[in-house]
């Protein structure tokens, strides 16, 4: 299951530091999403239902962690974009990701492997 644009923003925060509470995530995304706290909470609940996040009750609030990996998720999104939008038959060149602030050198290597697996019809996230 691929995340929506707002869900991807939440995942990107969690891939950097997890777990985080709903309030922490909301405060970091307030300028980006412009949502109320209740909208953020509802999105987090949907993400748990989709299997994108795990929630653990700590005291009186939930703490969230990503249940999908960064590389597998980004590979699936890149492959989908390449095939559905650009109508490419092969994966996008890895060089397109070289300047990403989100990906480390190890992530890039793993991403290349994931893209090759996807091209061969392998499993995604």
N, C-alpha and C. Protein backbone atom coordinates (compact mmCIF):
# COMPACT_ATOMS: atom_id res chain seq x y z
N UNK A 1 0.84 -1.18 0.00
CA UNK A 1 0.00 0.00 0.00
C UNK A 1 0.88 1.24 0.00
N UNK A 2 0.64 2.12 -0.95
CA UNK A 2 1.42 3.33 -1.05
C UNK A 2 0.80 4.45 -0.23
N UNK A 3 1.64 5.23 0.44
CA UNK A 3 1.12 6.33 1.25
C UNK A 3 0.70 7.51 0.37
N UNK A 4 -0.27 8.26 0.87
CA UNK A 4 -0.66 9.51 0.23
C UNK A 4 0.43 10.54 0.54
N UNK A 5 0.34 11.70 -0.08
CA UNK A 5 1.34 12.75 0.16
C UNK A 5 1.45 13.15 1.64
N UNK A 6 0.33 13.40 2.34
CA UNK A 6 0.45 13.72 3.78
C UNK A 6 1.00 12.55 4.59
N UNK A 7 0.59 11.34 4.24
CA UNK A 7 1.10 10.16 4.96
C UNK A 7 2.61 10.03 4.76
N UNK A 8 3.08 10.35 3.56
CA UNK A 8 4.52 10.28 3.30
C UNK A 8 5.28 11.30 4.15
N UNK A 9 4.69 12.47 4.35
CA UNK A 9 5.33 13.47 5.22
C UNK A 9 5.48 12.94 6.64
N UNK A 10 4.46 12.26 7.12
CA UNK A 10 4.52 11.67 8.47
C UNK A 10 5.58 10.58 8.51
N UNK A 11 5.60 9.72 7.50
CA UNK A 11 6.60 8.65 7.46
C UNK A 11 8.02 9.21 7.43
N UNK A 12 8.24 10.27 6.67
CA UNK A 12 9.58 10.85 6.58
C UNK A 12 10.06 11.32 7.95
N UNK A 13 9.16 11.88 8.74
CA UNK A 13 9.53 12.28 10.10
C UNK A 13 9.87 11.07 10.96
N UNK A 14 9.06 10.04 10.84
CA UNK A 14 9.28 8.84 11.66
C UNK A 14 10.54 8.09 11.23
N UNK A 15 10.87 8.11 9.96
CA UNK A 15 12.10 7.45 9.52
C UNK A 15 13.33 8.15 10.10
N UNK A 16 13.20 9.42 10.42
CA UNK A 16 14.32 10.15 11.01
C UNK A 16 14.41 9.90 12.51
N UNK A 17 13.26 9.85 13.18
CA UNK A 17 13.23 9.66 14.63
C UNK A 17 11.90 9.04 15.03
N UNK A 18 11.98 7.89 15.64
CA UNK A 18 10.77 7.23 16.11
C UNK A 18 11.05 6.53 17.41
N UNK A 19 10.05 6.33 18.20
CA UNK A 19 8.65 6.71 18.03
C UNK A 19 8.44 8.19 18.34
N UNK A 20 7.29 8.69 17.89
CA UNK A 20 6.86 10.05 18.20
C UNK A 20 5.37 10.03 18.50
N UNK A 21 4.96 10.96 19.34
CA UNK A 21 3.54 11.06 19.66
C UNK A 21 2.81 11.81 18.54
N UNK A 22 1.50 11.70 18.55
CA UNK A 22 0.70 12.43 17.59
C UNK A 22 0.91 13.92 17.69
N UNK A 23 1.04 14.42 18.90
CA UNK A 23 1.26 15.86 19.12
C UNK A 23 2.61 16.28 18.53
N UNK A 24 3.64 15.48 18.76
CA UNK A 24 4.97 15.81 18.22
C UNK A 24 4.93 15.85 16.70
N UNK A 25 4.29 14.86 16.10
CA UNK A 25 4.19 14.82 14.64
C UNK A 25 3.38 16.03 14.13
N UNK A 26 2.26 16.30 14.77
CA UNK A 26 1.43 17.43 14.36
C UNK A 26 2.21 18.74 14.42
N UNK A 27 2.92 18.96 15.52
CA UNK A 27 3.66 20.22 15.68
C UNK A 27 4.72 20.40 14.59
N UNK A 28 5.36 19.31 14.19
CA UNK A 28 6.39 19.39 13.14
C UNK A 28 5.79 19.60 11.75
N UNK A 29 4.56 19.16 11.56
CA UNK A 29 3.92 19.24 10.24
C UNK A 29 2.90 20.38 10.12
N UNK A 30 2.72 21.14 11.16
CA UNK A 30 1.69 22.19 11.16
C UNK A 30 1.86 23.15 9.98
N UNK A 31 3.06 23.58 9.71
CA UNK A 31 3.29 24.53 8.60
C UNK A 31 3.13 23.86 7.25
N UNK A 32 3.50 22.59 7.16
CA UNK A 32 3.45 21.87 5.88
C UNK A 32 2.02 21.52 5.50
N UNK A 33 1.26 20.97 6.45
CA UNK A 33 -0.07 20.47 6.16
C UNK A 33 -1.19 21.46 6.48
N UNK A 34 -0.97 22.33 7.45
CA UNK A 34 -2.00 23.30 7.82
C UNK A 34 -3.25 22.66 8.38
N UNK A 35 -3.10 21.54 9.05
CA UNK A 35 -4.24 20.79 9.59
C UNK A 35 -4.47 21.10 11.05
N UNK A 36 -5.68 20.76 11.50
CA UNK A 36 -5.97 20.77 12.93
C UNK A 36 -5.36 19.50 13.53
N UNK A 37 -5.22 19.51 14.84
CA UNK A 37 -4.68 18.33 15.52
C UNK A 37 -5.59 17.12 15.32
N UNK A 38 -6.90 17.34 15.29
CA UNK A 38 -7.82 16.20 15.10
C UNK A 38 -7.65 15.58 13.71
N UNK A 39 -7.35 16.37 12.70
CA UNK A 39 -7.09 15.82 11.36
C UNK A 39 -5.81 14.98 11.35
N UNK A 40 -4.81 15.44 12.05
CA UNK A 40 -3.56 14.68 12.16
C UNK A 40 -3.81 13.36 12.86
N UNK A 41 -4.55 13.40 13.96
CA UNK A 41 -4.86 12.16 14.69
C UNK A 41 -5.63 11.18 13.82
N UNK A 42 -6.60 11.67 13.07
CA UNK A 42 -7.40 10.80 12.19
C UNK A 42 -6.51 10.18 11.12
N UNK A 43 -5.60 10.95 10.56
CA UNK A 43 -4.67 10.42 9.55
C UNK A 43 -3.78 9.35 10.17
N UNK A 44 -3.30 9.59 11.38
CA UNK A 44 -2.47 8.59 12.06
C UNK A 44 -3.26 7.30 12.29
N UNK A 45 -4.52 7.42 12.69
CA UNK A 45 -5.36 6.23 12.89
C UNK A 45 -5.53 5.46 11.59
N UNK A 46 -5.75 6.17 10.49
CA UNK A 46 -5.90 5.51 9.19
C UNK A 46 -4.60 4.82 8.78
N UNK A 47 -3.48 5.45 9.09
CA UNK A 47 -2.19 4.86 8.74
C UNK A 47 -1.94 3.58 9.53
N UNK A 48 -2.40 3.55 10.77
CA UNK A 48 -2.29 2.32 11.57
C UNK A 48 -3.18 1.25 10.94
N UNK A 49 -4.40 1.61 10.56
CA UNK A 49 -5.32 0.66 9.92
C UNK A 49 -4.74 0.11 8.62
N UNK A 50 -4.03 0.93 7.87
CA UNK A 50 -3.43 0.52 6.60
C UNK A 50 -2.16 -0.32 6.80
N UNK A 51 -1.63 -0.33 8.01
CA UNK A 51 -0.40 -1.06 8.28
C UNK A 51 0.86 -0.25 8.03
N UNK A 52 0.70 1.06 7.82
CA UNK A 52 1.87 1.91 7.61
C UNK A 52 2.55 2.29 8.92
N UNK A 53 1.77 2.35 9.99
CA UNK A 53 2.28 2.72 11.31
C UNK A 53 1.85 1.71 12.36
N UNK A 54 2.59 1.70 13.44
CA UNK A 54 2.20 0.97 14.65
C UNK A 54 1.99 2.01 15.74
N UNK A 55 1.00 1.79 16.58
CA UNK A 55 0.71 2.69 17.69
C UNK A 55 0.88 1.94 18.99
N UNK A 56 1.51 2.60 19.95
CA UNK A 56 1.69 2.01 21.27
C UNK A 56 1.26 3.05 22.30
N UNK A 57 0.37 2.65 23.17
CA UNK A 57 -0.13 3.55 24.19
C UNK A 57 0.94 3.75 25.26
N UNK A 58 1.33 5.00 25.46
CA UNK A 58 2.30 5.36 26.50
C UNK A 58 1.65 6.42 27.38
N UNK A 59 1.27 6.01 28.56
CA UNK A 59 0.54 6.91 29.43
C UNK A 59 -0.85 7.14 28.87
N UNK A 60 -1.15 8.40 28.56
CA UNK A 60 -2.48 8.71 28.01
C UNK A 60 -2.43 9.10 26.53
N UNK A 61 -1.31 8.81 25.86
CA UNK A 61 -1.22 9.14 24.44
C UNK A 61 -0.52 8.04 23.66
N UNK A 62 -0.83 7.99 22.37
CA UNK A 62 -0.20 7.01 21.50
C UNK A 62 1.14 7.51 21.02
N UNK A 63 2.04 6.56 20.88
CA UNK A 63 3.35 6.81 20.30
C UNK A 63 3.40 6.01 19.01
N UNK A 64 3.84 6.63 17.92
CA UNK A 64 3.78 6.01 16.60
C UNK A 64 5.17 5.69 16.06
N UNK A 65 5.23 4.56 15.36
CA UNK A 65 6.45 4.11 14.68
C UNK A 65 6.08 3.64 13.28
N UNK A 66 7.00 3.84 12.35
CA UNK A 66 6.78 3.38 10.97
C UNK A 66 6.83 1.86 10.91
N UNK A 67 5.92 1.28 10.18
CA UNK A 67 5.88 -0.17 9.96
C UNK A 67 6.38 -0.52 8.57
N UNK A 68 6.65 0.48 7.76
CA UNK A 68 7.21 0.26 6.42
C UNK A 68 8.58 0.90 6.38
N UNK A 69 9.47 0.31 5.61
CA UNK A 69 10.81 0.84 5.55
C UNK A 69 10.90 1.96 4.52
N UNK A 70 11.85 2.84 4.75
CA UNK A 70 12.05 3.98 3.87
C UNK A 70 12.39 3.53 2.46
N UNK A 71 13.36 2.66 2.32
CA UNK A 71 13.83 2.27 1.00
C UNK A 71 12.75 1.54 0.21
N UNK A 72 12.08 0.59 0.83
CA UNK A 72 11.04 -0.16 0.11
C UNK A 72 9.89 0.75 -0.31
N UNK A 73 9.52 1.67 0.55
CA UNK A 73 8.42 2.59 0.24
C UNK A 73 8.81 3.52 -0.90
N UNK A 74 10.00 4.09 -0.83
CA UNK A 74 10.45 4.99 -1.88
C UNK A 74 10.64 4.25 -3.21
N UNK A 75 11.11 3.02 -3.15
CA UNK A 75 11.27 2.23 -4.37
C UNK A 75 9.92 1.98 -5.02
N UNK A 76 8.93 1.63 -4.23
CA UNK A 76 7.59 1.37 -4.77
C UNK A 76 7.00 2.65 -5.39
N UNK A 77 7.20 3.78 -4.72
CA UNK A 77 6.70 5.04 -5.25
C UNK A 77 7.41 5.42 -6.55
N UNK A 78 8.72 5.23 -6.57
CA UNK A 78 9.50 5.56 -7.78
C UNK A 78 9.11 4.66 -8.94
N UNK A 79 8.94 3.38 -8.65
CA UNK A 79 8.56 2.43 -9.70
C UNK A 79 7.16 2.75 -10.24
N UNK A 80 6.26 3.07 -9.34
CA UNK A 80 4.90 3.42 -9.76
C UNK A 80 4.91 4.68 -10.63
N UNK A 81 5.66 5.68 -10.20
CA UNK A 81 5.76 6.92 -10.97
C UNK A 81 6.37 6.65 -12.35
N UNK A 82 7.45 5.87 -12.37
CA UNK A 82 8.12 5.58 -13.64
C UNK A 82 7.20 4.85 -14.61
N UNK A 83 6.46 3.87 -14.13
CA UNK A 83 5.62 3.09 -15.03
C UNK A 83 4.28 3.76 -15.33
N UNK A 84 3.62 4.29 -14.31
CA UNK A 84 2.28 4.83 -14.50
C UNK A 84 2.29 6.22 -15.12
N UNK A 85 3.19 7.07 -14.66
CA UNK A 85 3.20 8.45 -15.14
C UNK A 85 4.09 8.63 -16.36
N UNK A 86 5.31 8.11 -16.27
CA UNK A 86 6.27 8.31 -17.36
C UNK A 86 6.23 7.21 -18.42
N UNK A 87 5.50 6.13 -18.12
CA UNK A 87 5.38 4.98 -19.02
C UNK A 87 6.74 4.38 -19.38
N UNK A 88 7.62 4.32 -18.38
CA UNK A 88 8.93 3.70 -18.55
C UNK A 88 8.79 2.20 -18.29
N UNK A 89 9.50 1.42 -19.02
CA UNK A 89 9.46 -0.03 -18.83
C UNK A 89 10.51 -0.48 -17.80
N UNK A 90 11.57 0.27 -17.65
CA UNK A 90 12.60 -0.07 -16.67
C UNK A 90 12.60 0.96 -15.54
N UNK A 91 13.27 0.65 -14.41
CA UNK A 91 13.25 1.58 -13.28
C UNK A 91 13.93 2.90 -13.63
N UNK A 92 13.58 3.91 -12.87
CA UNK A 92 14.21 5.21 -13.03
C UNK A 92 15.69 5.08 -12.69
N UNK A 93 16.55 5.85 -13.34
CA UNK A 93 17.99 5.78 -13.04
C UNK A 93 18.26 6.19 -11.60
N UNK A 94 19.13 5.47 -10.95
CA UNK A 94 19.47 5.75 -9.56
C UNK A 94 20.05 7.14 -9.39
N UNK A 95 20.67 7.66 -10.42
CA UNK A 95 21.26 9.00 -10.36
C UNK A 95 20.22 10.06 -10.00
N UNK A 96 18.96 9.80 -10.29
CA UNK A 96 17.91 10.75 -9.95
C UNK A 96 17.78 10.97 -8.44
N UNK A 97 18.27 10.03 -7.65
CA UNK A 97 18.13 10.09 -6.20
C UNK A 97 19.42 10.53 -5.50
N UNK A 98 20.48 10.76 -6.27
CA UNK A 98 21.80 11.00 -5.70
C UNK A 98 21.86 12.21 -4.77
N UNK A 99 21.13 13.25 -5.03
CA UNK A 99 21.19 14.46 -4.21
C UNK A 99 20.11 14.51 -3.13
N UNK A 100 19.44 13.40 -2.89
CA UNK A 100 18.37 13.37 -1.90
C UNK A 100 18.93 13.55 -0.49
N UNK A 101 18.30 14.44 0.26
CA UNK A 101 18.67 14.61 1.68
C UNK A 101 18.06 13.51 2.54
N UNK A 102 17.12 12.77 1.96
CA UNK A 102 16.42 11.72 2.69
C UNK A 102 17.19 10.40 2.69
N UNK A 103 18.05 10.21 1.68
CA UNK A 103 18.72 8.93 1.49
C UNK A 103 20.21 9.00 1.78
N UNK A 104 20.71 8.03 2.53
CA UNK A 104 22.14 7.88 2.78
C UNK A 104 22.74 7.05 1.64
N UNK A 105 24.05 6.92 1.64
CA UNK A 105 24.71 6.08 0.63
C UNK A 105 24.23 4.64 0.73
N UNK A 106 24.07 4.14 1.95
CA UNK A 106 23.56 2.78 2.14
C UNK A 106 22.12 2.66 1.63
N UNK A 107 21.32 3.71 1.87
CA UNK A 107 19.94 3.72 1.37
C UNK A 107 19.91 3.66 -0.16
N UNK A 108 20.81 4.40 -0.79
CA UNK A 108 20.86 4.41 -2.26
C UNK A 108 21.19 3.02 -2.81
N UNK A 109 22.12 2.35 -2.15
CA UNK A 109 22.48 1.00 -2.57
C UNK A 109 21.29 0.05 -2.39
N UNK A 110 20.61 0.16 -1.26
CA UNK A 110 19.44 -0.68 -1.01
C UNK A 110 18.30 -0.32 -1.97
N UNK A 111 18.17 0.95 -2.29
CA UNK A 111 17.14 1.38 -3.23
C UNK A 111 17.38 0.79 -4.61
N UNK A 112 18.62 0.76 -5.03
CA UNK A 112 18.94 0.16 -6.33
C UNK A 112 18.53 -1.31 -6.36
N UNK A 113 18.79 -2.02 -5.28
CA UNK A 113 18.39 -3.43 -5.20
C UNK A 113 16.88 -3.58 -5.22
N UNK A 114 16.17 -2.72 -4.48
CA UNK A 114 14.71 -2.77 -4.45
C UNK A 114 14.12 -2.49 -5.83
N UNK A 115 14.67 -1.50 -6.53
CA UNK A 115 14.17 -1.17 -7.86
C UNK A 115 14.38 -2.33 -8.83
N UNK A 116 15.51 -3.01 -8.70
CA UNK A 116 15.76 -4.18 -9.55
C UNK A 116 14.77 -5.30 -9.23
N UNK A 117 14.49 -5.50 -7.95
CA UNK A 117 13.50 -6.52 -7.56
C UNK A 117 12.13 -6.19 -8.12
N UNK A 118 11.74 -4.93 -8.03
CA UNK A 118 10.44 -4.51 -8.54
C UNK A 118 10.37 -4.71 -10.05
N UNK A 119 11.45 -4.42 -10.73
CA UNK A 119 11.49 -4.60 -12.20
C UNK A 119 11.28 -6.06 -12.55
N UNK A 120 11.79 -6.94 -11.70
CA UNK A 120 11.69 -8.37 -11.95
C UNK A 120 10.39 -8.95 -11.39
N UNK A 121 9.54 -8.09 -10.86
CA UNK A 121 8.25 -8.55 -10.33
C UNK A 121 8.31 -9.02 -8.90
N UNK A 122 9.35 -8.60 -8.16
CA UNK A 122 9.49 -9.03 -6.77
C UNK A 122 8.59 -8.25 -5.85
N UNK A 123 8.70 -8.55 -4.56
CA UNK A 123 7.89 -7.93 -3.52
C UNK A 123 8.33 -6.51 -3.28
N UNK A 124 7.39 -5.65 -2.87
CA UNK A 124 7.72 -4.26 -2.56
C UNK A 124 7.88 -4.07 -1.07
N UNK A 125 7.06 -3.21 -0.44
CA UNK A 125 7.19 -2.85 0.97
C UNK A 125 7.12 -4.09 1.83
